[in-house]
Amino acid sequence: MCDVLAVMRSLAREGMATMAGTRKMFIAREVAGRVAATDVGGVRHTQDRRPVREPSQGRLPATRQG
């Protein structure tokens, strides 16, 4: 029984480490994308991310123009 618990703990640690690594990779990609989107003049261009309409909503909220 102790061996089974040890294996389960090991697998849990491995899974948590994998999830943490995946999160770090996601953050690194986000930062790299933002840096790449910044041009020499310092004007930052971002992608147009419009909200997704859910079935309960009638109209989409107005987006900011900037």
Protein backbone atom coordinates (compact mmCIF):
# COMPACT_ATOMS: atom_id res chain seq x y z
CA MET A 1 0.00 0.00 0.00
CA CYS A 2 2.84 2.40 0.80
CA ASP A 3 4.34 1.82 -2.65
CA VAL A 4 1.06 2.77 -4.30
CA LEU A 5 0.90 6.02 -2.32
CA ALA A 6 4.49 6.83 -3.18
CA VAL A 7 3.78 6.33 -6.88
CA MET A 8 0.65 8.48 -6.66
CA ARG A 9 2.58 11.28 -4.92
CA SER A 10 5.30 11.09 -7.53
CA LEU A 11 2.79 11.32 -10.37
CA ALA A 12 1.06 14.26 -8.67
CA ARG A 13 4.36 16.14 -8.33
CA GLU A 14 5.18 15.42 -11.96
CA GLY A 15 1.78 16.70 -13.07
CA MET A 16 2.11 19.90 -11.04
CA ALA A 17 5.56 20.54 -12.47
CA THR A 18 4.21 20.04 -15.99
CA MET A 19 1.34 22.45 -15.36
CA ALA A 20 3.72 25.07 -13.95
CA GLY A 21 6.00 24.70 -16.97
CA THR A 22 3.06 25.05 -19.36
CA ARG A 23 1.94 28.23 -17.57
CA LYS A 24 5.46 29.70 -17.79
CA MET A 25 5.59 28.94 -21.52
CA PHE A 26 2.21 30.64 -22.03
CA ILE A 27 3.40 33.76 -20.17
CA ALA A 28 6.65 33.81 -22.15
CA ARG A 29 4.70 33.63 -25.44
CA GLU A 30 2.38 36.46 -24.32
CA VAL A 31 5.33 38.69 -23.38
CA ALA A 32 7.16 37.88 -26.61
CA GLY A 33 4.04 38.71 -28.60
CA ARG A 34 3.65 42.05 -26.85
CA VAL A 35 7.31 42.93 -27.35
CA ALA A 36 7.09 41.99 -31.04
CA ALA A 37 3.97 44.14 -31.38
CA THR A 38 5.80 47.22 -30.09
CA ASP A 39 7.39 49.15 -32.93
CA VAL A 40 10.50 51.38 -32.81
CA GLY A 41 8.48 54.52 -32.10
CA GLY A 42 7.00 52.98 -28.99
CA VAL A 43 3.46 52.68 -30.36
CA ARG A 44 1.96 49.43 -29.22
CA HIS A 45 -0.36 47.62 -31.59
CA THR A 46 -2.53 44.94 -30.09
CA GLN A 47 -4.82 42.43 -31.69
CA ASP A 48 -8.49 43.25 -31.81
CA ARG A 49 -10.02 40.97 -29.19
CA ARG A 50 -13.77 41.30 -29.35
CA PRO A 51 -15.90 39.76 -26.62
CA VAL A 52 -17.65 36.53 -27.45
CA ARG A 53 -21.42 36.72 -27.44
CA GLU A 54 -23.05 34.38 -25.00
CA PRO A 55 -26.56 33.07 -25.65
CA SER A 56 -28.06 35.16 -22.84
CA GLN A 57 -26.71 38.47 -24.21
CA GLY A 58 -28.60 40.49 -26.80
CA ARG A 59 -25.94 42.87 -28.14
CA LEU A 60 -22.19 43.03 -27.77
CA PRO A 61 -20.79 45.88 -25.68
CA ALA A 62 -19.09 48.72 -27.55
CA THR A 63 -15.33 48.34 -27.96
CA ARG A 64 -12.88 51.05 -27.05
CA GLN A 65 -11.23 52.96 -29.87
CA GLY A 66 -7.67 53.99 -29.08
